[in-house]
Amino acid sequence: MVKKMYTVTGLPVEAEYSDREVDELFLPLLDKLNHLRKEKGERLIVFLSAPPGSGKTTLSLFLEDLFKELQSDYTLQSVSMDGFHRPNSYLDRHTITRNHKNQPLRQYKGVPESFDAEKLIERIRALSSQEKVQWPTYDRLLHDVSDKTEQIEADIVLVEGNYLLLDCPVWRELKNLSDYTIAITTRMNELVKRLVERKQKGGTTQKEAEQHVERTDKPNAELVLNHSQPADQTFILRNGQFEMLI
C-alpha cells in the first residue's frame, strides 16, 4: 500500500493506492507515456478526464510523484483546468437556464458554461508551440481565479479536468490537441457518496452537501459520464479502487 498526502480543493487528502493499482495500472501507464514522448520527440500532451468526485486530481498528483521515481530522461508535470473557471465577476453578470428559468450562473459554478473553453484551447495549443507556458490557476481560499500563474515546461504535461473529452460544441475540439487521453468512469451512486462526503469535509451539513450535489455536481457528473468522447485508456473506480476497463 502506498500513501501520500495532498491538498485537493483546499482540503488535505490522503491518497492511498494498493500495490496492485501501482504495479498493474499506474506504472504501465507511465511507462507508455514515457515511450510515447520518446517516439514523438517533443512535448507530450496527455488528458485525464473524469467526473467530479472520482479522484482525478489526487491521481494526477500521485502520477506526477510516481513518475519522478522512474529512471526517465523526461519530466512530467500535472496541471488542472480549474484556472479556466470564468471569474466570479463574470458569473455574477450572467445567467443559465434551469427548469425553464434563468438562474444566476454563479449558483451553478462548475458547469461547462462557467469555464472559458476558448482560453483553455488557446493555452493547450501553446503547450505544443512554446517551450514555457504560463498556466492559469485557481485560488481555493478566494474561490475565484487567481492572478498568479504556474509555469509549464515539462516534457510530458498531464492536464486533468472534468470536460476535456466532452462531446459538445467547442469542447470537442480539445481531444485533437492531445497526444493521449485517459478517462475515469464509475457508478453514479459511488460518486454521489464521495461528493457528499467531500462537501461535508468542507464544513457543510449533510443536508446542505446533498442539496449542492443534487443541484450541481450530480448533473455535471452525469454529463461527463454520458457525453464524453472515448479515451485511449479508461480506468473504472469500484469501491474506492481503480481497475482497467476492458
C-alpha atoms as a PDB file:
ATOM      1  CA  MET A   1       0.000   0.000   0.000  1.00  0.00           C
ATOM      2  CA  VAL A   2       1.273   3.461  -0.953  1.00  0.00           C
ATOM      3  CA  LYS A   3       0.089   6.547   0.938  1.00  0.00           C
ATOM      4  CA  LYS A   4       0.620  10.224   0.126  1.00  0.00           C
ATOM      5  CA  MET A   5      -0.811  13.488   1.488  1.00  0.00           C
ATOM      6  CA  TYR A   6      -2.010  16.166  -0.930  1.00  0.00           C
ATOM      7  CA  THR A   7      -4.074  19.329  -0.798  1.00  0.00           C
ATOM      8  CA  VAL A   8      -7.084  18.996  -3.101  1.00  0.00           C
ATOM      9  CA  THR A   9      -9.781  21.693  -3.431  1.00  0.00           C
ATOM     10  CA  GLY A  10      -8.236  23.374  -0.413  1.00  0.00           C
ATOM     11  CA  LEU A  11      -8.505  20.313   1.820  1.00  0.00           C
ATOM     12  CA  PRO A  12      -5.885  17.795   2.975  1.00  0.00           C
ATOM     13  CA  VAL A  13      -6.454  14.449   1.263  1.00  0.00           C
ATOM     14  CA  GLU A  14      -4.671  11.196   1.952  1.00  0.00           C
ATOM     15  CA  ALA A  15      -4.112   9.305  -1.285  1.00  0.00           C
ATOM     16  CA  GLU A  16      -3.989   5.571  -0.737  1.00  0.00           C
ATOM     17  CA  TYR A  17      -3.303   3.166  -3.589  1.00  0.00           C
ATOM     18  CA  SER A  18      -2.772  -0.582  -3.430  1.00  0.00           C
ATOM     19  CA  ASP A  19       0.352  -2.272  -4.728  1.00  0.00           C
ATOM     20  CA  ARG A  20      -1.859  -3.827  -7.424  1.00  0.00           C
ATOM     21  CA  GLU A  21      -3.039  -0.422  -8.644  1.00  0.00           C
ATOM     22  CA  VAL A  22       0.524   0.890  -8.759  1.00  0.00           C
ATOM     23  CA  ASP A  23       2.107  -2.173 -10.371  1.00  0.00           C
ATOM     24  CA  GLU A  24      -0.669  -3.174 -12.788  1.00  0.00           C
ATOM     25  CA  LEU A  25      -2.167   0.211 -13.749  1.00  0.00           C
ATOM     26  CA  PHE A  26      -0.106   3.270 -12.937  1.00  0.00           C
ATOM     27  CA  LEU A  27       3.450   2.136 -13.659  1.00  0.00           C
ATOM     28  CA  PRO A  28       2.497   0.604 -17.056  1.00  0.00           C
ATOM     29  CA  LEU A  29       0.644   3.839 -17.896  1.00  0.00           C
ATOM     30  CA  LEU A  30       3.666   5.978 -17.053  1.00  0.00           C
ATOM     31  CA  ASP A  31       5.942   3.633 -18.990  1.00  0.00           C
ATOM     32  CA  LYS A  32       3.666   4.070 -22.010  1.00  0.00           C
ATOM     33  CA  LEU A  33       3.711   7.867 -21.690  1.00  0.00           C
ATOM     34  CA  ASN A  34       7.492   7.779 -21.425  1.00  0.00           C
ATOM     35  CA  HIS A  35       7.645   5.693 -24.616  1.00  0.00           C
ATOM     36  CA  LEU A  36       5.217   7.983 -26.459  1.00  0.00           C
ATOM     37  CA  ARG A  37       7.279  11.031 -25.505  1.00  0.00           C
ATOM     38  CA  LYS A  38      10.405   9.372 -26.866  1.00  0.00           C
ATOM     39  CA  GLU A  39       8.616   8.499 -30.113  1.00  0.00           C
ATOM     40  CA  LYS A  40       7.181  11.990 -30.571  1.00  0.00           C
ATOM     41  CA  GLY A  41      10.466  13.773 -29.947  1.00  0.00           C
ATOM     42  CA  GLU A  42       8.767  16.798 -28.392  1.00  0.00           C
ATOM     43  CA  ARG A  43       6.343  17.661 -25.587  1.00  0.00           C
ATOM     44  CA  LEU A  44       3.608  15.086 -24.994  1.00  0.00           C
ATOM     45  CA  ILE A  45       0.157  16.402 -24.025  1.00  0.00           C
ATOM     46  CA  VAL A  46      -1.969  13.992 -22.005  1.00  0.00           C
ATOM     47  CA  PHE A  47      -5.545  14.454 -20.763  1.00  0.00           C
ATOM     48  CA  LEU A  48      -7.033  12.888 -17.648  1.00  0.00           C
ATOM     49  CA  SER A  49     -10.785  13.419 -17.911  1.00  0.00           C
ATOM     50  CA  ALA A  50     -13.196  12.311 -15.222  1.00  0.00           C
ATOM     51  CA  PRO A  51     -16.382  13.321 -13.394  1.00  0.00           C
ATOM     52  CA  PRO A  52     -16.231  15.292 -10.137  1.00  0.00           C
ATOM     53  CA  GLY A  53     -15.593  13.138  -7.106  1.00  0.00           C
ATOM     54  CA  SER A  54     -13.719  10.402  -8.989  1.00  0.00           C
ATOM     55  CA  GLY A  55     -10.312  11.219  -7.506  1.00  0.00           C
ATOM     56  CA  LYS A  56      -8.768  12.538 -10.728  1.00  0.00           C
ATOM     57  CA  THR A  57      -6.881  15.448  -9.112  1.00  0.00           C
ATOM     58  CA  THR A  58      -5.364  13.241  -6.435  1.00  0.00           C
ATOM     59  CA  LEU A  59      -4.467  10.622  -9.023  1.00  0.00           C
ATOM     60  CA  SER A  60      -2.797  13.194 -11.286  1.00  0.00           C
ATOM     61  CA  LEU A  61      -0.653  14.446  -8.400  1.00  0.00           C
ATOM     62  CA  PHE A  62       0.257  10.887  -7.471  1.00  0.00           C
ATOM     63  CA  LEU A  63       1.214  10.045 -11.065  1.00  0.00           C
ATOM     64  CA  GLU A  64       3.500  13.083 -11.108  1.00  0.00           C
ATOM     65  CA  ASP A  65       5.203  11.908  -7.925  1.00  0.00           C
ATOM     66  CA  LEU A  66       5.435   8.316  -9.156  1.00  0.00           C
ATOM     67  CA  PHE A  67       6.999   9.425 -12.433  1.00  0.00           C
ATOM     68  CA  LYS A  68       9.818  11.110 -10.510  1.00  0.00           C
ATOM     69  CA  GLU A  69      10.782   7.703  -9.146  1.00  0.00           C
ATOM     70  CA  LEU A  70      11.282   6.272 -12.628  1.00  0.00           C
ATOM     71  CA  GLN A  71      14.627   6.313 -14.380  1.00  0.00           C
ATOM     72  CA  SER A  72      13.453   8.567 -17.188  1.00  0.00           C
ATOM     73  CA  ASP A  73      15.148  11.177 -19.325  1.00  0.00           C
ATOM     74  CA  TYR A  74      11.925  13.197 -19.240  1.00  0.00           C
ATOM     75  CA  THR A  75       9.870  15.195 -16.753  1.00  0.00           C
ATOM     76  CA  LEU A  76       6.130  15.068 -16.097  1.00  0.00           C
ATOM     77  CA  GLN A  77       4.026  17.916 -14.765  1.00  0.00           C
ATOM     78  CA  SER A  78       0.393  17.704 -13.698  1.00  0.00           C
ATOM     79  CA  VAL A  79      -1.876  20.734 -14.145  1.00  0.00           C
ATOM     80  CA  SER A  80      -5.574  21.390 -13.652  1.00  0.00           C
ATOM     81  CA  MET A  81      -8.159  23.094 -15.854  1.00  0.00           C
ATOM     82  CA  ASP A  82      -9.579  24.809 -12.728  1.00  0.00           C
ATOM     83  CA  GLY A  83      -7.744  28.019 -13.596  1.00  0.00           C
ATOM     84  CA  PHE A  84     -10.004  28.351 -16.627  1.00  0.00           C
ATOM     85  CA  HIS A  85     -13.081  28.984 -14.499  1.00  0.00           C
ATOM     86  CA  ARG A  86     -14.563  32.308 -15.509  1.00  0.00           C
ATOM     87  CA  PRO A  87     -14.092  34.947 -12.777  1.00  0.00           C
ATOM     88  CA  ASN A  88     -16.873  35.383 -10.221  1.00  0.00           C
ATOM     89  CA  SER A  89     -17.478  38.861 -11.628  1.00  0.00           C
ATOM     90  CA  TYR A  90     -18.414  37.236 -14.945  1.00  0.00           C
ATOM     91  CA  LEU A  91     -20.576  34.581 -13.279  1.00  0.00           C
ATOM     92  CA  ASP A  92     -22.444  37.277 -11.351  1.00  0.00           C
ATOM     93  CA  ARG A  93     -23.342  39.079 -14.579  1.00  0.00           C
ATOM     94  CA  HIS A  94     -24.586  36.032 -16.457  1.00  0.00           C
ATOM     95  CA  THR A  95     -27.375  33.508 -16.118  1.00  0.00           C
ATOM     96  CA  ILE A  96     -28.074  29.919 -17.113  1.00  0.00           C
ATOM     97  CA  THR A  97     -31.416  28.314 -17.917  1.00  0.00           C
ATOM     98  CA  ARG A  98     -32.502  25.656 -15.445  1.00  0.00           C
ATOM     99  CA  ASN A  99     -36.045  24.295 -15.130  1.00  0.00           C
ATOM    100  CA  HIS A 100     -37.183  26.805 -17.773  1.00  0.00           C
ATOM    101  CA  LYS A 101     -35.953  29.712 -15.631  1.00  0.00           C
ATOM    102  CA  ASN A 102     -32.924  31.975 -15.831  1.00  0.00           C
ATOM    103  CA  GLN A 103     -30.748  31.302 -12.799  1.00  0.00           C
ATOM    104  CA  PRO A 104     -27.540  33.057 -11.687  1.00  0.00           C
ATOM    105  CA  LEU A 105     -24.593  31.287 -13.347  1.00  0.00           C
ATOM    106  CA  ARG A 106     -22.556  31.566 -10.167  1.00  0.00           C
ATOM    107  CA  GLN A 107     -25.085  29.347  -8.428  1.00  0.00           C
ATOM    108  CA  TYR A 108     -24.107  26.593 -10.879  1.00  0.00           C
ATOM    109  CA  LYS A 109     -20.384  27.187 -10.856  1.00  0.00           C
ATOM    110  CA  GLY A 110     -18.644  24.138 -12.262  1.00  0.00           C
ATOM    111  CA  VAL A 111     -20.928  23.588 -15.255  1.00  0.00           C
ATOM    112  CA  PRO A 112     -19.227  23.783 -18.682  1.00  0.00           C
ATOM    113  CA  GLU A 113     -20.682  27.270 -19.249  1.00  0.00           C
ATOM    114  CA  SER A 114     -18.761  28.559 -16.225  1.00  0.00           C
ATOM    115  CA  PHE A 115     -15.421  27.762 -17.897  1.00  0.00           C
ATOM    116  CA  ASP A 116     -13.611  29.676 -20.627  1.00  0.00           C
ATOM    117  CA  ALA A 117     -13.207  26.827 -23.117  1.00  0.00           C
ATOM    118  CA  GLU A 118     -11.699  29.079 -25.796  1.00  0.00           C
ATOM    119  CA  LYS A 119      -8.953  30.229 -23.432  1.00  0.00           C
ATOM    120  CA  LEU A 120      -8.255  26.613 -22.450  1.00  0.00           C
ATOM    121  CA  ILE A 121      -7.897  25.655 -26.122  1.00  0.00           C
ATOM    122  CA  GLU A 122      -5.517  28.566 -26.689  1.00  0.00           C
ATOM    123  CA  ARG A 123      -3.300  27.563 -23.759  1.00  0.00           C
ATOM    124  CA  ILE A 124      -3.177  23.900 -24.818  1.00  0.00           C
ATOM    125  CA  ARG A 125      -2.188  24.989 -28.325  1.00  0.00           C
ATOM    126  CA  ALA A 126       0.584  26.995 -26.678  1.00  0.00           C
ATOM    127  CA  LEU A 127       1.847  23.825 -24.997  1.00  0.00           C
ATOM    128  CA  SER A 128       2.570  22.443 -28.459  1.00  0.00           C
ATOM    129  CA  SER A 129       4.377  25.503 -29.744  1.00  0.00           C
ATOM    130  CA  GLN A 130       6.119  27.099 -26.767  1.00  0.00           C
ATOM    131  CA  GLU A 131       8.839  25.722 -24.509  1.00  0.00           C
ATOM    132  CA  LYS A 132       7.487  27.557 -21.454  1.00  0.00           C
ATOM    133  CA  VAL A 133       3.796  28.313 -20.934  1.00  0.00           C
ATOM    134  CA  GLN A 134       2.114  30.344 -18.197  1.00  0.00           C
ATOM    135  CA  TRP A 135      -0.892  28.361 -16.925  1.00  0.00           C
ATOM    136  CA  PRO A 136      -3.811  30.000 -15.053  1.00  0.00           C
ATOM    137  CA  THR A 137      -4.515  28.830 -11.512  1.00  0.00           C
ATOM    138  CA  TYR A 138      -7.477  28.871  -9.129  1.00  0.00           C
ATOM    139  CA  ASP A 139      -7.410  30.239  -5.583  1.00  0.00           C
ATOM    140  CA  ARG A 140      -9.319  27.863  -3.298  1.00  0.00           C
ATOM    141  CA  LEU A 141      -9.293  30.354  -0.430  1.00  0.00           C
ATOM    142  CA  LEU A 142     -10.884  33.118  -2.539  1.00  0.00           C
ATOM    143  CA  HIS A 143     -12.966  30.654  -4.567  1.00  0.00           C
ATOM    144  CA  ASP A 144     -12.019  32.607  -7.659  1.00  0.00           C
ATOM    145  CA  VAL A 145      -9.479  32.647 -10.458  1.00  0.00           C
ATOM    146  CA  SER A 146      -6.057  33.705  -9.194  1.00  0.00           C
ATOM    147  CA  ASP A 147      -3.855  36.405 -10.707  1.00  0.00           C
ATOM    148  CA  LYS A 148      -0.927  34.007 -10.274  1.00  0.00           C
ATOM    149  CA  THR A 149       0.131  31.562 -12.977  1.00  0.00           C
ATOM    150  CA  GLU A 150       2.059  28.308 -12.974  1.00  0.00           C
ATOM    151  CA  GLN A 151       4.941  27.884 -15.402  1.00  0.00           C
ATOM    152  CA  ILE A 152       4.726  24.744 -17.510  1.00  0.00           C
ATOM    153  CA  GLU A 153       7.957  23.460 -19.003  1.00  0.00           C
ATOM    154  CA  ALA A 154       7.869  19.657 -18.572  1.00  0.00           C
ATOM    155  CA  ASP A 155       8.394  17.107 -21.337  1.00  0.00           C
ATOM    156  CA  ILE A 156       5.070  15.442 -20.528  1.00  0.00           C
ATOM    157  CA  VAL A 157       2.132  17.600 -19.435  1.00  0.00           C
ATOM    158  CA  LEU A 158      -0.789  15.831 -17.769  1.00  0.00           C
ATOM    159  CA  VAL A 159      -3.875  18.049 -17.860  1.00  0.00           C
ATOM    160  CA  GLU A 160      -6.724  16.962 -15.567  1.00  0.00           C
ATOM    161  CA  GLY A 161     -10.319  18.144 -15.619  1.00  0.00           C
ATOM    162  CA  ASN A 162     -13.960  17.205 -15.998  1.00  0.00           C
ATOM    163  CA  TYR A 163     -14.690  18.294 -19.543  1.00  0.00           C
ATOM    164  CA  LEU A 164     -11.529  17.578 -21.531  1.00  0.00           C
ATOM    165  CA  LEU A 165     -13.300  14.897 -23.586  1.00  0.00           C
ATOM    166  CA  LEU A 166     -16.761  16.458 -23.589  1.00  0.00           C
ATOM    167  CA  ASP A 167     -18.567  15.806 -26.867  1.00  0.00           C
ATOM    168  CA  CYS A 168     -20.158  19.244 -27.156  1.00  0.00           C
ATOM    169  CA  PRO A 169     -19.527  22.304 -29.374  1.00  0.00           C
ATOM    170  CA  VAL A 170     -16.160  23.978 -28.731  1.00  0.00           C
ATOM    171  CA  TRP A 171     -15.182  21.406 -26.082  1.00  0.00           C
ATOM    172  CA  ARG A 172     -14.882  18.557 -28.569  1.00  0.00           C
ATOM    173  CA  GLU A 173     -12.014  20.422 -30.267  1.00  0.00           C
ATOM    174  CA  LEU A 174      -9.805  19.693 -27.274  1.00  0.00           C
ATOM    175  CA  LYS A 175      -9.267  16.000 -27.945  1.00  0.00           C
ATOM    176  CA  ASN A 176      -7.478  16.694 -31.226  1.00  0.00           C
ATOM    177  CA  LEU A 177      -4.943  18.782 -29.305  1.00  0.00           C
ATOM    178  CA  SER A 178      -3.892  15.868 -27.097  1.00  0.00           C
ATOM    179  CA  ASP A 179      -1.497  13.007 -27.782  1.00  0.00           C
ATOM    180  CA  TYR A 180      -3.041  10.532 -25.335  1.00  0.00           C
ATOM    181  CA  THR A 181      -6.231  10.517 -23.278  1.00  0.00           C
ATOM    182  CA  ILE A 182      -7.194   8.800 -20.042  1.00  0.00           C
ATOM    183  CA  ALA A 183     -10.668   8.642 -18.535  1.00  0.00           C
ATOM    184  CA  ILE A 184     -12.133   7.518 -15.231  1.00  0.00           C
ATOM    185  CA  THR A 185     -15.618   6.075 -15.089  1.00  0.00           C
ATOM    186  CA  THR A 186     -17.652   4.798 -12.159  1.00  0.00           C
ATOM    187  CA  ARG A 187     -21.203   4.257 -10.941  1.00  0.00           C
ATOM    188  CA  MET A 188     -23.217   7.307 -10.046  1.00  0.00           C
ATOM    189  CA  ASN A 189     -24.137   6.086  -6.557  1.00  0.00           C
ATOM    190  CA  GLU A 190     -20.446   5.771  -5.654  1.00  0.00           C
ATOM    191  CA  LEU A 191     -19.750   9.256  -6.998  1.00  0.00           C
ATOM    192  CA  VAL A 192     -22.636  10.827  -5.079  1.00  0.00           C
ATOM    193  CA  LYS A 193     -21.450   9.243  -1.831  1.00  0.00           C
ATOM    194  CA  ARG A 194     -17.909  10.554  -2.378  1.00  0.00           C
ATOM    195  CA  LEU A 195     -19.132  14.021  -3.369  1.00  0.00           C
ATOM    196  CA  VAL A 196     -21.358  14.398  -0.303  1.00  0.00           C
ATOM    197  CA  GLU A 197     -18.531  13.287   1.978  1.00  0.00           C
ATOM    198  CA  ARG A 198     -16.135  15.735   0.314  1.00  0.00           C
ATOM    199  CA  LYS A 199     -18.575  18.608   0.699  1.00  0.00           C
ATOM    200  CA  GLN A 200     -19.101  17.806   4.378  1.00  0.00           C
ATOM    201  CA  LYS A 201     -15.344  17.879   4.964  1.00  0.00           C
ATOM    202  CA  GLY A 202     -15.501  21.473   3.721  1.00  0.00           C
ATOM    203  CA  GLY A 203     -17.792  22.364   6.617  1.00  0.00           C
ATOM    204  CA  THR A 204     -21.337  21.959   5.283  1.00  0.00           C
ATOM    205  CA  THR A 205     -24.069  19.901   6.896  1.00  0.00           C
ATOM    206  CA  GLN A 206     -25.127  16.625   5.319  1.00  0.00           C
ATOM    207  CA  LYS A 207     -28.357  18.204   4.070  1.00  0.00           C
ATOM    208  CA  GLU A 208     -26.519  21.168   2.539  1.00  0.00           C
ATOM    209  CA  ALA A 209     -23.995  18.812   0.950  1.00  0.00           C
ATOM    210  CA  GLU A 210     -26.738  16.628  -0.532  1.00  0.00           C
ATOM    211  CA  GLN A 211     -28.570  19.668  -1.925  1.00  0.00           C
ATOM    212  CA  HIS A 212     -25.399  21.025  -3.513  1.00  0.00           C
ATOM    213  CA  VAL A 213     -24.508  17.674  -5.075  1.00  0.00           C
ATOM    214  CA  GLU A 214     -28.030  17.243  -6.435  1.00  0.00           C
ATOM    215  CA  ARG A 215     -28.050  20.758  -7.937  1.00  0.00           C
ATOM    216  CA  THR A 216     -24.575  20.904  -9.484  1.00  0.00           C
ATOM    217  CA  ASP A 217     -22.141  18.028  -9.004  1.00  0.00           C
ATOM    218  CA  LYS A 218     -24.501  15.194  -9.947  1.00  0.00           C
ATOM    219  CA  PRO A 219     -25.685  16.765 -13.249  1.00  0.00           C
ATOM    220  CA  ASN A 220     -22.067  17.615 -14.089  1.00  0.00           C
ATOM    221  CA  ALA A 221     -21.007  14.028 -13.379  1.00  0.00           C
ATOM    222  CA  GLU A 222     -23.843  12.638 -15.496  1.00  0.00           C
ATOM    223  CA  LEU A 223     -22.805  14.921 -18.343  1.00  0.00           C
ATOM    224  CA  VAL A 224     -19.200  13.695 -18.207  1.00  0.00           C
ATOM    225  CA  LEU A 225     -20.159  10.028 -17.925  1.00  0.00           C
ATOM    226  CA  ASN A 226     -22.766  10.100 -20.696  1.00  0.00           C
ATOM    227  CA  HIS A 227     -21.483  12.685 -23.164  1.00  0.00           C
ATOM    228  CA  SER A 228     -17.713  12.287 -23.375  1.00  0.00           C
ATOM    229  CA  GLN A 229     -15.660  11.076 -26.299  1.00  0.00           C
ATOM    230  CA  PRO A 230     -13.892   7.723 -25.805  1.00  0.00           C
ATOM    231  CA  ALA A 231     -10.436   7.807 -24.243  1.00  0.00           C
ATOM    232  CA  ASP A 232      -7.333   5.872 -25.244  1.00  0.00           C
ATOM    233  CA  GLN A 233      -7.308   4.277 -21.798  1.00  0.00           C
ATOM    234  CA  THR A 234     -10.092   4.065 -19.225  1.00  0.00           C
ATOM    235  CA  PHE A 235      -9.948   3.231 -15.533  1.00  0.00           C
ATOM    236  CA  ILE A 236     -13.060   2.257 -13.609  1.00  0.00           C
ATOM    237  CA  LEU A 237     -13.423   3.212  -9.948  1.00  0.00           C
ATOM    238  CA  ARG A 238     -15.067   0.462  -7.870  1.00  0.00           C
ATOM    239  CA  ASN A 239     -15.361   0.764  -4.107  1.00  0.00           C
ATOM    240  CA  GLY A 240     -12.504   3.247  -3.978  1.00  0.00           C
ATOM    241  CA  GLN A 241     -10.126   1.118  -6.076  1.00  0.00           C
ATOM    242  CA  PHE A 242      -9.114   1.566  -9.702  1.00  0.00           C
ATOM    243  CA  GLU A 243      -9.349  -1.211 -12.271  1.00  0.00           C
ATOM    244  CA  MET A 244      -8.767  -1.346 -16.001  1.00  0.00           C
ATOM    245  CA  LEU A 245     -11.948  -1.085 -18.035  1.00  0.00           C
ATOM    246  CA  ILE A 246     -11.892  -3.839 -20.644  1.00  0.00           C
END
